[in-house]
Structures are given as C-alpha cells and as structure tokens.
Amino acid sequence: MYIQYTMDQLCLPMDLEEDIPEHHLVRIVNAAVNRLDDGIFDAAYPGGGRDSYHPKMLTKVIIYAYTQRIYSSRQIAKSIWENIPFMWLAGAATRLPHAKSLPFPANEECP
C-alpha cells in the first residue's frame, strides 16, 4: 500500500547540479561572478593566516541570498546547510561557511 522507506538509508545526491534547472537564477549568479577577474579579489586580500573561503564562492552566496531576500548572515549560513542551490554555490564544501565567516556582523539585519 505504501512505498517502503527507511530512515537509516544513506542516499546522498552525488551531483547537486542535476537538481538545479537549466535556467535557474542561481546559475545566472554563478556565471556572472565567474566572469569577474580574480585580480579584484586578490587586490583586496592581504593574505596570511589560515586558508580562507574563496571570495568568489562567498560573493556568489551573498548575491544569491540577497535575491532571495535573505540578509542575515545566520540565515545565509543556515541556507547553505539546508538549501540545494546554496549548497551548489558553496561547492558542497566539506566545511560549509559559518555565519562568522560571512563578511558582515551576524546580528546585522537589512530592512
């Protein structure tokens, strides 16, 4: 009568790109930011310290978040953990960005 399922079953999509339609807004944001020259980011980053997230990835995530009316760094970080387009932009990184990694205060909200 019902389709069987088990909560213990491991079923991870190996390619998140398959779950995103061809003309989805997230693909437009990705393509636009990829066209930016890396020199823009390199000039602003002094280096040193531990490795940081790639500035293009953070830029993509923030721009896409703003298009979704998500302005809080905590909500953006939560979206990276829970939302497939955000996961795809973040490259399904092993260590996903925390709210403190985003370039503005975690408690700052935009109207």
PDB file of N, CA and C in Angstrom:
ATOM      1  N   MET A   1       0.811  -1.185   0.000  1.00  0.00           N
ATOM      2  CA  MET A   1       0.000   0.000   0.000  1.00  0.00           C
ATOM      3  C   MET A   1       0.865   1.264   0.000  1.00  0.00           C
ATOM      4  N   TYR A   2       1.938   1.268   0.799  1.00  0.00           N
ATOM      5  CA  TYR A   2       2.832   2.420   0.847  1.00  0.00           C
ATOM      6  C   TYR A   2       4.205   2.042   0.313  1.00  0.00           C
ATOM      7  N   ILE A   3       4.891   3.019  -0.224  1.00  0.00           N
ATOM      8  CA  ILE A   3       6.271   2.799  -0.649  1.00  0.00           C
ATOM      9  C   ILE A   3       7.124   2.695   0.598  1.00  0.00           C
ATOM     10  N   GLN A   4       7.928   1.667   0.667  1.00  0.00           N
ATOM     11  CA  GLN A   4       8.774   1.450   1.834  1.00  0.00           C
ATOM     12  C   GLN A   4       9.908   2.467   1.875  1.00  0.00           C
ATOM     13  N   TYR A   5      10.247   2.887   3.058  1.00  0.00           N
ATOM     14  CA  TYR A   5      11.398   3.760   3.244  1.00  0.00           C
ATOM     15  C   TYR A   5      12.036   3.454   4.583  1.00  0.00           C
ATOM     16  N   THR A   6      13.274   3.811   4.711  1.00  0.00           N
ATOM     17  CA  THR A   6      13.974   3.618   5.966  1.00  0.00           C
ATOM     18  C   THR A   6      14.778   4.873   6.272  1.00  0.00           C
ATOM     19  N   MET A   7      14.730   5.292   7.508  1.00  0.00           N
ATOM     20  CA  MET A   7      15.464   6.499   7.919  1.00  0.00           C
ATOM     21  C   MET A   7      16.965   6.235   8.008  1.00  0.00           C
ATOM     22  N   ASP A   8      17.357   4.965   8.022  1.00  0.00           N
ATOM     23  CA  ASP A   8      18.766   4.603   8.136  1.00  0.00           C
ATOM     24  C   ASP A   8      19.466   4.541   6.785  1.00  0.00           C
ATOM     25  N   GLN A   9      18.700   4.660   5.723  1.00  0.00           N
ATOM     26  CA  GLN A   9      19.263   4.549   4.379  1.00  0.00           C
ATOM     27  C   GLN A   9      20.061   5.798   4.034  1.00  0.00           C
ATOM     28  N   LEU A  10      21.248   5.612   3.540  1.00  0.00           N
ATOM     29  CA  LEU A  10      22.084   6.728   3.116  1.00  0.00           C
ATOM     30  C   LEU A  10      21.832   6.985   1.635  1.00  0.00           C
ATOM     31  N   CYS A  11      21.323   8.154   1.342  1.00  0.00           N
ATOM     32  CA  CYS A  11      21.006   8.483  -0.042  1.00  0.00           C
ATOM     33  C   CYS A  11      21.421   9.930  -0.278  1.00  0.00           C
ATOM     34  N   LEU A  12      22.620  10.111  -0.724  1.00  0.00           N
ATOM     35  CA  LEU A  12      23.127  11.460  -0.966  1.00  0.00           C
ATOM     36  C   LEU A  12      23.204  11.728  -2.459  1.00  0.00           C
ATOM     37  N   PRO A  13      22.734  12.885  -2.898  1.00  0.00           N
ATOM     38  CA  PRO A  13      22.923  13.203  -4.319  1.00  0.00           C
ATOM     39  C   PRO A  13      24.403  13.486  -4.563  1.00  0.00           C
ATOM     40  N   MET A  14      24.968  12.778  -5.473  1.00  0.00           N
ATOM     41  CA  MET A  14      26.390  12.943  -5.746  1.00  0.00           C
ATOM     42  C   MET A  14      26.656  14.192  -6.580  1.00  0.00           C
ATOM     43  N   ASP A  15      25.671  14.633  -7.328  1.00  0.00           N
ATOM     44  CA  ASP A  15      25.854  15.808  -8.159  1.00  0.00           C
ATOM     45  C   ASP A  15      24.670  16.744  -7.959  1.00  0.00           C
ATOM     46  N   LEU A  16      24.859  17.781  -7.153  1.00  0.00           N
ATOM     47  CA  LEU A  16      23.779  18.718  -6.867  1.00  0.00           C
ATOM     48  C   LEU A  16      23.318  19.457  -8.117  1.00  0.00           C
ATOM     49  N   GLU A  17      24.200  19.571  -9.085  1.00  0.00           N
ATOM     50  CA  GLU A  17      23.868  20.293 -10.310  1.00  0.00           C
ATOM     51  C   GLU A  17      22.667  19.669 -11.029  1.00  0.00           C
ATOM     52  N   GLU A  18      22.493  18.378 -10.890  1.00  0.00           N
ATOM     53  CA  GLU A  18      21.366  17.694 -11.522  1.00  0.00           C
ATOM     54  C   GLU A  18      20.025  18.170 -10.968  1.00  0.00           C
ATOM     55  N   ASP A  19      20.025  18.672  -9.745  1.00  0.00           N
ATOM     56  CA  ASP A  19      18.786  19.096  -9.097  1.00  0.00           C
ATOM     57  C   ASP A  19      18.433  20.556  -9.365  1.00  0.00           C
ATOM     58  N   ILE A  20      19.254  21.257 -10.128  1.00  0.00           N
ATOM     59  CA  ILE A  20      19.019  22.675 -10.402  1.00  0.00           C
ATOM     60  C   ILE A  20      18.645  22.844 -11.870  1.00  0.00           C
ATOM     61  N   PRO A  21      17.461  23.390 -12.139  1.00  0.00           N
ATOM     62  CA  PRO A  21      17.037  23.580 -13.533  1.00  0.00           C
ATOM     63  C   PRO A  21      18.030  24.434 -14.331  1.00  0.00           C
ATOM     64  N   GLU A  22      18.030  24.227 -15.624  1.00  0.00           N
ATOM     65  CA  GLU A  22      18.991  24.878 -16.515  1.00  0.00           C
ATOM     66  C   GLU A  22      18.942  26.402 -16.442  1.00  0.00           C
ATOM     67  N   HIS A  23      17.773  26.990 -16.325  1.00  0.00           N
ATOM     68  CA  HIS A  23      17.648  28.454 -16.357  1.00  0.00           C
ATOM     69  C   HIS A  23      17.349  29.038 -14.981  1.00  0.00           C
ATOM     70  N   HIS A  24      17.756  28.354 -13.944  1.00  0.00           N
ATOM     71  CA  HIS A  24      17.524  28.819 -12.567  1.00  0.00           C
ATOM     72  C   HIS A  24      18.393  30.049 -12.284  1.00  0.00           C
ATOM     73  N   LEU A  25      17.884  30.960 -11.467  1.00  0.00           N
ATOM     74  CA  LEU A  25      18.604  32.187 -11.121  1.00  0.00           C
ATOM     75  C   LEU A  25      19.988  31.903 -10.531  1.00  0.00           C
ATOM     76  N   VAL A  26      20.114  30.830  -9.786  1.00  0.00           N
ATOM     77  CA  VAL A  26      21.400  30.520  -9.159  1.00  0.00           C
ATOM     78  C   VAL A  26      22.483  30.290 -10.217  1.00  0.00           C
ATOM     79  N   ARG A  27      22.109  29.767 -11.364  1.00  0.00           N
ATOM     80  CA  ARG A  27      23.091  29.556 -12.448  1.00  0.00           C
ATOM     81  C   ARG A  27      23.530  30.891 -13.058  1.00  0.00           C
ATOM     82  N   ILE A  28      22.614  31.847 -13.114  1.00  0.00           N
ATOM     83  CA  ILE A  28      22.944  33.174 -13.644  1.00  0.00           C
ATOM     84  C   ILE A  28      23.920  33.878 -12.704  1.00  0.00           C
ATOM     85  N   VAL A  29      23.646  33.812 -11.407  1.00  0.00           N
ATOM     86  CA  VAL A  29      24.551  34.410 -10.418  1.00  0.00           C
ATOM     87  C   VAL A  29      25.927  33.753 -10.514  1.00  0.00           C
ATOM     88  N   ASN A  30      25.957  32.437 -10.608  1.00  0.00           N
ATOM     89  CA  ASN A  30      27.217  31.703 -10.718  1.00  0.00           C
ATOM     90  C   ASN A  30      28.018  32.151 -11.942  1.00  0.00           C
ATOM     91  N   ALA A  31      27.362  32.209 -13.081  1.00  0.00           N
ATOM     92  CA  ALA A  31      28.053  32.597 -14.319  1.00  0.00           C
ATOM     93  C   ALA A  31      28.558  34.039 -14.250  1.00  0.00           C
ATOM     94  N   ALA A  32      27.748  34.940 -13.691  1.00  0.00           N
ATOM     95  CA  ALA A  32      28.150  36.351 -13.599  1.00  0.00           C
ATOM     96  C   ALA A  32      29.375  36.523 -12.715  1.00  0.00           C
ATOM     97  N   VAL A  33      29.383  35.887 -11.560  1.00  0.00           N
ATOM     98  CA  VAL A  33      30.522  36.031 -10.650  1.00  0.00           C
ATOM     99  C   VAL A  33      31.759  35.334 -11.214  1.00  0.00           C
ATOM    100  N   ASN A  34      31.576  34.218 -11.903  1.00  0.00           N
ATOM    101  CA  ASN A  34      32.722  33.529 -12.511  1.00  0.00           C
ATOM    102  C   ASN A  34      33.420  34.389 -13.561  1.00  0.00           C
ATOM    103  N   ARG A  35      32.689  35.314 -14.172  1.00  0.00           N
ATOM    104  CA  ARG A  35      33.287  36.190 -15.189  1.00  0.00           C
ATOM    105  C   ARG A  35      34.154  37.291 -14.580  1.00  0.00           C
ATOM    106  N   LEU A  36      34.023  37.526 -13.277  1.00  0.00           N
ATOM    107  CA  LEU A  36      34.844  38.560 -12.619  1.00  0.00           C
ATOM    108  C   LEU A  36      36.308  38.140 -12.594  1.00  0.00           C
ATOM    109  N   ASP A  37      37.170  39.118 -12.744  1.00  0.00           N
ATOM    110  CA  ASP A  37      38.602  38.864 -12.713  1.00  0.00           C
ATOM    111  C   ASP A  37      39.044  38.551 -11.285  1.00  0.00           C
ATOM    112  N   ASP A  38      39.830  37.489 -11.110  1.00  0.00           N
ATOM    113  CA  ASP A  38      40.328  37.126  -9.774  1.00  0.00           C
ATOM    114  C   ASP A  38      41.177  38.231  -9.165  1.00  0.00           C
ATOM    115  N   GLY A  39      41.752  39.069  -9.997  1.00  0.00           N
ATOM    116  CA  GLY A  39      42.579  40.166  -9.506  1.00  0.00           C
ATOM    117  C   GLY A  39      41.819  41.129  -8.610  1.00  0.00           C
ATOM    118  N   ILE A  40      40.522  41.265  -8.847  1.00  0.00           N
ATOM    119  CA  ILE A  40      39.691  42.126  -7.998  1.00  0.00           C
ATOM    120  C   ILE A  40      39.746  41.647  -6.560  1.00  0.00           C
ATOM    121  N   PHE A  41      39.650  40.351  -6.382  1.00  0.00           N
ATOM    122  CA  PHE A  41      39.647  39.773  -5.041  1.00  0.00           C
ATOM    123  C   PHE A  41      41.053  39.726  -4.459  1.00  0.00           C
ATOM    124  N   ASP A  42      42.036  39.388  -5.306  1.00  0.00           N
ATOM    125  CA  ASP A  42      43.414  39.287  -4.835  1.00  0.00           C
ATOM    126  C   ASP A  42      43.927  40.623  -4.312  1.00  0.00           C
ATOM    127  N   ALA A  43      43.519  41.712  -4.949  1.00  0.00           N
ATOM    128  CA  ALA A  43      43.975  43.042  -4.528  1.00  0.00           C
ATOM    129  C   ALA A  43      43.433  43.410  -3.149  1.00  0.00           C
ATOM    130  N   ALA A  44      42.262  42.877  -2.805  1.00  0.00           N
ATOM    131  CA  ALA A  44      41.637  43.220  -1.521  1.00  0.00           C
ATOM    132  C   ALA A  44      42.050  42.280  -0.398  1.00  0.00           C
ATOM    133  N   TYR A  45      42.683  41.164  -0.719  1.00  0.00           N
ATOM    134  CA  TYR A  45      43.030  40.174   0.297  1.00  0.00           C
ATOM    135  C   TYR A  45      44.519  40.243   0.599  1.00  0.00           C
ATOM    136  N   PRO A  46      44.889  40.596   1.821  1.00  0.00           N
ATOM    137  CA  PRO A  46      46.309  40.746   2.142  1.00  0.00           C
ATOM    138  C   PRO A  46      47.030  39.415   2.314  1.00  0.00           C
ATOM    139  N   GLY A  47      46.303  38.324   2.486  1.00  0.00           N
ATOM    140  CA  GLY A  47      46.938  37.028   2.691  1.00  0.00           C
ATOM    141  C   GLY A  47      47.330  36.841   4.142  1.00  0.00           C
ATOM    142  N   GLY A  48      47.992  35.728   4.408  1.00  0.00           N
ATOM    143  CA  GLY A  48      48.387  35.424   5.773  1.00  0.00           C
ATOM    144  C   GLY A  48      47.287  34.689   6.502  1.00  0.00           C
ATOM    145  N   GLY A  49      47.636  34.126   7.627  1.00  0.00           N
ATOM    146  CA  GLY A  49      46.647  33.399   8.413  1.00  0.00           C
ATOM    147  C   GLY A  49      46.291  32.077   7.772  1.00  0.00           C
ATOM    148  N   ARG A  50      45.239  31.482   8.274  1.00  0.00           N
ATOM    149  CA  ARG A  50      44.822  30.194   7.708  1.00  0.00           C
ATOM    150  C   ARG A  50      44.088  30.405   6.388  1.00  0.00           C
ATOM    151  N   ASP A  51      43.933  29.338   5.646  1.00  0.00           N
ATOM    152  CA  ASP A  51      43.236  29.418   4.363  1.00  0.00           C
ATOM    153  C   ASP A  51      41.813  29.925   4.575  1.00  0.00           C
ATOM    154  N   SER A  52      41.367  30.749   3.649  1.00  0.00           N
ATOM    155  CA  SER A  52      40.020  31.298   3.747  1.00  0.00           C
ATOM    156  C   SER A  52      39.148  30.714   2.639  1.00  0.00           C
ATOM    157  N   TYR A  53      37.852  30.919   2.778  1.00  0.00           N
ATOM    158  CA  TYR A  53      36.945  30.507   1.706  1.00  0.00           C
ATOM    159  C   TYR A  53      37.236  31.353   0.481  1.00  0.00           C
ATOM    160  N   HIS A  54      37.022  30.772  -0.688  1.00  0.00           N
ATOM    161  CA  HIS A  54      37.281  31.503  -1.920  1.00  0.00           C
ATOM    162  C   HIS A  54      36.322  32.691  -2.002  1.00  0.00           C
ATOM    163  N   PRO A  55      36.847  33.886  -2.269  1.00  0.00           N
ATOM    164  CA  PRO A  55      35.984  35.067  -2.299  1.00  0.00           C
ATOM    165  C   PRO A  55      34.899  35.003  -3.368  1.00  0.00           C
ATOM    166  N   LYS A  56      35.136  34.303  -4.461  1.00  0.00           N
ATOM    167  CA  LYS A  56      34.089  34.168  -5.477  1.00  0.00           C
ATOM    168  C   LYS A  56      32.930  33.346  -4.939  1.00  0.00           C
ATOM    169  N   MET A  57      33.229  32.290  -4.184  1.00  0.00           N
ATOM    170  CA  MET A  57      32.170  31.471  -3.608  1.00  0.00           C
ATOM    171  C   MET A  57      31.347  32.299  -2.633  1.00  0.00           C
ATOM    172  N   LEU A  58      32.000  33.061  -1.766  1.00  0.00           N
ATOM    173  CA  LEU A  58      31.279  33.898  -0.811  1.00  0.00           C
ATOM    174  C   LEU A  58      30.452  34.962  -1.526  1.00  0.00           C
ATOM    175  N   THR A  59      31.005  35.542  -2.585  1.00  0.00           N
ATOM    176  CA  THR A  59      30.283  36.559  -3.352  1.00  0.00           C
ATOM    177  C   THR A  59      29.027  35.961  -3.990  1.00  0.00           C
ATOM    178  N   LYS A  60      29.168  34.781  -4.573  1.00  0.00           N
ATOM    179  CA  LYS A  60      28.012  34.107  -5.181  1.00  0.00           C
ATOM    180  C   LYS A  60      26.925  33.860  -4.144  1.00  0.00           C
ATOM    181  N   VAL A  61      27.331  33.342  -3.003  1.00  0.00           N
ATOM    182  CA  VAL A  61      26.365  33.017  -1.949  1.00  0.00           C
ATOM    183  C   VAL A  61      25.643  34.271  -1.471  1.00  0.00           C
ATOM    184  N   ILE A  62      26.387  35.349  -1.248  1.00  0.00           N
ATOM    185  CA  ILE A  62      25.772  36.581  -0.740  1.00  0.00           C
ATOM    186  C   ILE A  62      24.834  37.201  -1.777  1.00  0.00           C
ATOM    187  N   ILE A  63      25.264  37.262  -3.042  1.00  0.00           N
ATOM    188  CA  ILE A  63      24.399  37.833  -4.083  1.00  0.00           C
ATOM    189  C   ILE A  63      23.123  37.000  -4.228  1.00  0.00           C
ATOM    190  N   TYR A  64      23.277  35.677  -4.268  1.00  0.00           N
ATOM    191  CA  TYR A  64      22.091  34.835  -4.401  1.00  0.00           C
ATOM    192  C   TYR A  64      21.186  34.982  -3.176  1.00  0.00           C
ATOM    193  N   ALA A  65      21.765  35.078  -2.003  1.00  0.00           N
ATOM    194  CA  ALA A  65      20.963  35.263  -0.778  1.00  0.00           C
ATOM    195  C   ALA A  65      20.150  36.550  -0.877  1.00  0.00           C
ATOM    196  N   TYR A  66      20.779  37.618  -1.330  1.00  0.00           N
ATOM    197  CA  TYR A  66      20.057  38.887  -1.447  1.00  0.00           C
ATOM    198  C   TYR A  66      18.899  38.774  -2.442  1.00  0.00           C
ATOM    199  N   THR A  67      19.077  37.994  -3.521  1.00  0.00           N
ATOM    200  CA  THR A  67      17.979  37.824  -4.478  1.00  0.00           C
ATOM    201  C   THR A  67      16.822  37.045  -3.862  1.00  0.00           C
ATOM    202  N   GLN A  68      17.122  36.294  -2.806  1.00  0.00           N
ATOM    203  CA  GLN A  68      16.096  35.512  -2.114  1.00  0.00           C
ATOM    204  C   GLN A  68      15.572  36.240  -0.868  1.00  0.00           C
ATOM    205  N   ARG A  69      15.965  37.510  -0.720  1.00  0.00           N
ATOM    206  CA  ARG A  69      15.581  38.339   0.423  1.00  0.00           C
ATOM    207  C   ARG A  69      16.076  37.765   1.744  1.00  0.00           C
ATOM    208  N   ILE A  70      17.263  37.208   1.698  1.00  0.00           N
ATOM    209  CA  ILE A  70      17.919  36.715   2.906  1.00  0.00           C
ATOM    210  C   ILE A  70      19.100  37.643   3.158  1.00  0.00           C
ATOM    211  N   TYR A  71      19.065  38.369   4.264  1.00  0.00           N
ATOM    212  CA  TYR A  71      20.078  39.382   4.540  1.00  0.00           C
ATOM    213  C   TYR A  71      20.917  39.060   5.779  1.00  0.00           C
ATOM    214  N   SER A  72      20.424  38.237   6.657  1.00  0.00           N
ATOM    215  CA  SER A  72      21.128  37.898   7.885  1.00  0.00           C
ATOM    216  C   SER A  72      22.207  36.862   7.593  1.00  0.00           C
ATOM    217  N   SER A  73      23.401  37.074   8.115  1.00  0.00           N
ATOM    218  CA  SER A  73      24.475  36.104   7.883  1.00  0.00           C
ATOM    219  C   SER A  73      24.120  34.750   8.491  1.00  0.00           C
ATOM    220  N   ARG A  74      23.398  34.759   9.594  1.00  0.00           N
ATOM    221  CA  ARG A  74      22.980  33.485  10.198  1.00  0.00           C
ATOM    222  C   ARG A  74      22.000  32.749   9.288  1.00  0.00           C
ATOM    223  N   GLN A  75      21.079  33.485   8.675  1.00  0.00           N
ATOM    224  CA  GLN A  75      20.124  32.858   7.767  1.00  0.00           C
ATOM    225  C   GLN A  75      20.815  32.379   6.488  1.00  0.00           C
ATOM    226  N   ILE A  76      21.816  33.128   6.036  1.00  0.00           N
ATOM    227  CA  ILE A  76      22.580  32.696   4.855  1.00  0.00           C
ATOM    228  C   ILE A  76      23.318  31.400   5.170  1.00  0.00           C
ATOM    229  N   ALA A  77      23.985  31.348   6.323  1.00  0.00           N
ATOM    230  CA  ALA A  77      24.702  30.139   6.718  1.00  0.00           C
ATOM    231  C   ALA A  77      23.748  28.954   6.842  1.00  0.00           C
ATOM    232  N   LYS A  78      22.570  29.180   7.399  1.00  0.00           N
ATOM    233  CA  LYS A  78      21.569  28.121   7.523  1.00  0.00           C
ATOM    234  C   LYS A  78      21.125  27.641   6.139  1.00  0.00           C
ATOM    235  N   SER A  79      20.961  28.579   5.214  1.00  0.00           N
ATOM    236  CA  SER A  79      20.552  28.218   3.851  1.00  0.00           C
ATOM    237  C   SER A  79      21.598  27.361   3.163  1.00  0.00           C
ATOM    238  N   ILE A  80      22.867  27.618   3.443  1.00  0.00           N
ATOM    239  CA  ILE A  80      23.938  26.812   2.840  1.00  0.00           C
ATOM    240  C   ILE A  80      23.843  25.360   3.320  1.00  0.00           C
ATOM    241  N   TRP A  81      23.399  25.172   4.533  1.00  0.00           N
ATOM    242  CA  TRP A  81      23.253  23.823   5.084  1.00  0.00           C
ATOM    243  C   TRP A  81      21.976  23.134   4.610  1.00  0.00           C
ATOM    244  N   GLU A  82      20.932  23.909   4.254  1.00  0.00           N
ATOM    245  CA  GLU A  82      19.617  23.320   4.024  1.00  0.00           C
ATOM    246  C   GLU A  82      19.064  23.472   2.607  1.00  0.00           C
ATOM    247  N   ASN A  83      19.619  24.329   1.780  1.00  0.00           N
ATOM    248  CA  ASN A  83      19.025  24.685   0.505  1.00  0.00           C
ATOM    249  C   ASN A  83      19.952  24.240  -0.635  1.00  0.00           C
ATOM    250  N   ILE A  84      19.432  23.452  -1.556  1.00  0.00           N
ATOM    251  CA  ILE A  84      20.265  22.872  -2.620  1.00  0.00           C
ATOM    252  C   ILE A  84      20.969  23.924  -3.481  1.00  0.00           C
ATOM    253  N   PRO A  85      20.296  24.980  -3.959  1.00  0.00           N
ATOM    254  CA  PRO A  85      21.043  25.977  -4.738  1.00  0.00           C
ATOM    255  C   PRO A  85      22.185  26.616  -3.949  1.00  0.00           C
ATOM    256  N   PHE A  86      21.975  26.886  -2.677  1.00  0.00           N
ATOM    257  CA  PHE A  86      23.059  27.429  -1.853  1.00  0.00           C
ATOM    258  C   PHE A  86      24.187  26.413  -1.697  1.00  0.00           C
ATOM    259  N   MET A  87      23.837  25.146  -1.481  1.00  0.00           N
ATOM    260  CA  MET A  87      24.860  24.099  -1.360  1.00  0.00           C
ATOM    261  C   MET A  87      25.694  24.031  -2.630  1.00  0.00           C
ATOM    262  N   TRP A  88      25.010  24.118  -3.763  1.00  0.00           N
ATOM    263  CA  TRP A  88      25.715  24.041  -5.044  1.00  0.00           C
ATOM    264  C   TRP A  88      26.680  25.212  -5.197  1.00  0.00           C
ATOM    265  N   LEU A  89      26.234  26.430  -4.846  1.00  0.00           N
ATOM    266  CA  LEU A  89      27.118  27.592  -4.936  1.00  0.00           C
ATOM    267  C   LEU A  89      28.325  27.464  -4.012  1.00  0.00           C
ATOM    268  N   ALA A  90      28.091  26.881  -2.843  1.00  0.00           N
ATOM    269  CA  ALA A  90      29.183  26.711  -1.884  1.00  0.00           C
ATOM    270  C   ALA A  90      30.082  25.543  -2.280  1.00  0.00           C
ATOM    271  N   GLY A  91      29.734  24.872  -3.351  1.00  0.00           N
ATOM    272  CA  GLY A  91      30.559  23.767  -3.823  1.00  0.00           C
ATOM    273  C   GLY A  91      30.443  22.543  -2.951  1.00  0.00           C
ATOM    274  N   ALA A  92      29.350  22.458  -2.170  1.00  0.00           N
ATOM    275  CA  ALA A  92      29.154  21.343  -1.250  1.00  0.00           C
ATOM    276  C   ALA A  92      30.435  21.102  -0.467  1.00  0.00           C
ATOM    277  N   ALA A  93      31.032  22.196  -0.010  1.00  0.00           N
ATOM    278  CA  ALA A  93      32.298  22.130   0.719  1.00  0.00           C
ATOM    279  C   ALA A  93      32.173  21.202   1.922  1.00  0.00           C
ATOM    280  N   THR A  94      33.275  20.531   2.254  1.00  0.00           N
ATOM    281  CA  THR A  94      33.282  19.657   3.416  1.00  0.00           C
ATOM    282  C   THR A  94      32.967  20.456   4.669  1.00  0.00           C
ATOM    283  N   ARG A  95      33.564  21.620   4.780  1.00  0.00           N
ATOM    284  CA  ARG A  95      33.289  22.519   5.891  1.00  0.00           C
ATOM    285  C   ARG A  95      32.568  23.731   5.320  1.00  0.00           C
ATOM    286  N   LEU A  96      31.277  23.775   5.514  1.00  0.00           N
ATOM    287  CA  LEU A  96      30.497  24.881   4.976  1.00  0.00           C
ATOM    288  C   LEU A  96      30.688  26.128   5.819  1.00  0.00           C
ATOM    289  N   PRO A  97      30.587  27.297   5.209  1.00  0.00           N
ATOM    290  CA  PRO A  97      30.800  28.539   5.938  1.00  0.00           C
ATOM    291  C   PRO A  97      29.843  28.711   7.113  1.00  0.00           C
ATOM    292  N   HIS A  98      30.393  29.217   8.180  1.00  0.00           N
ATOM    293  CA  HIS A  98      29.617  29.565   9.367  1.00  0.00           C
ATOM    294  C   HIS A  98      29.253  31.037   9.259  1.00  0.00           C
ATOM    295  N   ALA A  99      28.263  31.469  10.002  1.00  0.00           N
ATOM    296  CA  ALA A  99      27.837  32.875   9.943  1.00  0.00           C
ATOM    297  C   ALA A  99      28.999  33.820  10.204  1.00  0.00           C
ATOM    298  N   LYS A 100      29.949  33.420  11.043  1.00  0.00           N
ATOM    299  CA  LYS A 100      31.088  34.286  11.354  1.00  0.00           C
ATOM    300  C   LYS A 100      32.048  34.434  10.179  1.00  0.00           C
ATOM    301  N   SER A 101      31.934  33.546   9.181  1.00  0.00           N
ATOM    302  CA  SER A 101      32.808  33.620   8.006  1.00  0.00           C
ATOM    303  C   SER A 101      32.316  34.632   6.987  1.00  0.00           C
ATOM    304  N   LEU A 102      31.060  35.016   7.107  1.00  0.00           N
ATOM    305  CA  LEU A 102      30.486  35.943   6.141  1.00  0.00           C
ATOM    306  C   LEU A 102      30.930  37.361   6.475  1.00  0.00           C
ATOM    307  N   PRO A 103      31.120  38.202   5.471  1.00  0.00           N
ATOM    308  CA  PRO A 103      31.789  39.490   5.667  1.00  0.00           C
ATOM    309  C   PRO A 103      30.956  40.612   6.280  1.00  0.00           C
ATOM    310  N   PHE A 104      30.048  40.299   7.197  1.00  0.00           N
ATOM    311  CA  PHE A 104      29.331  41.338   7.906  1.00  0.00           C
ATOM    312  C   PHE A 104      28.847  40.754   9.226  1.00  0.00           C
ATOM    313  N   PRO A 105      28.524  41.581  10.199  1.00  0.00           N
ATOM    314  CA  PRO A 105      28.133  41.074  11.515  1.00  0.00           C
ATOM    315  C   PRO A 105      26.949  40.124  11.454  1.00  0.00           C
ATOM    316  N   ALA A 106      27.009  39.062  12.236  1.00  0.00           N
ATOM    317  CA  ALA A 106      25.966  38.043  12.224  1.00  0.00           C
ATOM    318  C   ALA A 106      24.622  38.571  12.705  1.00  0.00           C
ATOM    319  N   ASN A 107      24.633  39.594  13.511  1.00  0.00           N
ATOM    320  CA  ASN A 107      23.365  40.094  14.036  1.00  0.00           C
ATOM    321  C   ASN A 107      22.815  41.269  13.238  1.00  0.00           C
ATOM    322  N   GLU A 108      23.474  41.628  12.168  1.00  0.00           N
ATOM    323  CA  GLU A 108      23.021  42.758  11.353  1.00  0.00           C
ATOM    324  C   GLU A 108      21.916  42.314  10.407  1.00  0.00           C
ATOM    325  N   GLU A 109      20.861  43.029  10.385  1.00  0.00           N
ATOM    326  CA  GLU A 109      19.735  42.760   9.503  1.00  0.00           C
ATOM    327  C   GLU A 109      19.497  43.951   8.578  1.00  0.00           C
ATOM    328  N   CYS A 110      19.133  43.691   7.352  1.00  0.00           N
ATOM    329  CA  CYS A 110      18.760  44.754   6.433  1.00  0.00           C
ATOM    330  C   CYS A 110      17.237  44.823   6.404  1.00  0.00           C
ATOM    331  N   PRO A 111      16.673  45.987   6.150  1.00  0.00           N
ATOM    332  CA  PRO A 111      15.207  46.100   6.117  1.00  0.00           C
ATOM    333  C   PRO A 111      14.605  45.320   4.970  1.00  0.00           C
TER     334      PRO A 111
END
